[in-house]
Amino acid sequence: REDVISKLKECSDCIKSAKQLCHEATEATTILENKLVNASNEEKEWKDIKIKLATTSIQ
């Protein structure tokens, strides 16, 4: 009986660890997605600036 209780506690600990890892992975994914959006926005801004500079230098 003690073995069963011990194994159940071990399983419970594993489940808690898996849930924590899942939570951390979700947070990391959200952070990376936000960084990607920011990088895309910055890239668009730079392209717009390059176009404006090219247009200005042609005039």
Protein backbone atom coordinates (compact mmCIF):
# COMPACT_ATOMS: atom_id res chain seq x y z
CA ARG A 1 0.00 0.00 0.00
CA GLU A 2 2.84 2.43 0.80
CA ASP A 3 4.30 1.77 -2.65
CA VAL A 4 1.03 2.78 -4.30
CA ILE A 5 0.83 6.00 -2.29
CA SER A 6 4.47 6.76 -3.08
CA LYS A 7 3.92 6.19 -6.81
CA LEU A 8 0.78 8.35 -6.78
CA LYS A 9 2.72 11.19 -5.14
CA GLU A 10 5.47 10.75 -7.71
CA CYS A 11 2.90 10.91 -10.53
CA SER A 12 1.33 13.98 -8.96
CA ASP A 13 4.72 15.70 -8.82
CA CYS A 14 5.34 14.83 -12.48
CA ILE A 15 1.96 16.25 -13.47
CA LYS A 16 2.66 19.47 -11.54
CA SER A 17 6.04 19.77 -13.27
CA ALA A 18 4.49 19.19 -16.69
CA LYS A 19 1.83 21.84 -16.03
CA GLN A 20 4.50 24.31 -14.93
CA LEU A 21 6.60 23.61 -18.02
CA CYS A 22 3.53 24.06 -20.22
CA HIS A 23 2.78 27.38 -18.55
CA GLU A 24 6.38 28.56 -19.02
CA ALA A 25 6.36 27.45 -22.67
CA THR A 26 3.12 29.36 -23.25
CA GLU A 27 4.63 32.50 -21.70
CA ALA A 28 7.79 32.15 -23.80
CA THR A 29 5.69 31.70 -26.95
CA THR A 30 3.70 34.84 -26.18
CA ILE A 31 6.88 36.84 -25.60
CA LEU A 32 8.40 35.59 -28.87
CA GLU A 33 5.21 36.32 -30.81
CA ASN A 34 5.19 39.88 -29.45
CA LYS A 35 8.84 40.34 -30.39
CA LEU A 36 8.10 39.08 -33.89
CA VAL A 37 5.24 41.55 -34.27
CA ASN A 38 7.49 44.37 -33.05
CA ALA A 39 10.27 43.36 -35.44
CA SER A 40 7.81 43.23 -38.34
CA ASN A 41 6.49 46.69 -37.46
CA GLU A 42 10.02 48.07 -37.22
CA GLU A 43 10.91 46.52 -40.58
CA LYS A 44 7.85 48.15 -42.16
CA GLU A 45 8.82 51.51 -40.64
CA TRP A 46 12.34 51.21 -42.08
CA LYS A 47 10.96 50.35 -45.51
CA ASP A 48 8.66 53.38 -45.35
CA ILE A 49 11.59 55.60 -44.34
CA LYS A 50 13.73 54.22 -47.19
CA ILE A 51 10.93 54.95 -49.68
CA LYS A 52 10.53 58.50 -48.34
CA LEU A 53 14.29 59.08 -48.51
CA ALA A 54 14.46 57.72 -52.05
CA THR A 55 11.52 59.89 -53.09
CA THR A 56 13.06 62.96 -51.45
CA SER A 57 16.47 62.42 -53.03
CA ILE A 58 14.92 62.02 -56.50
CA GLN A 59 13.17 65.38 -56.19
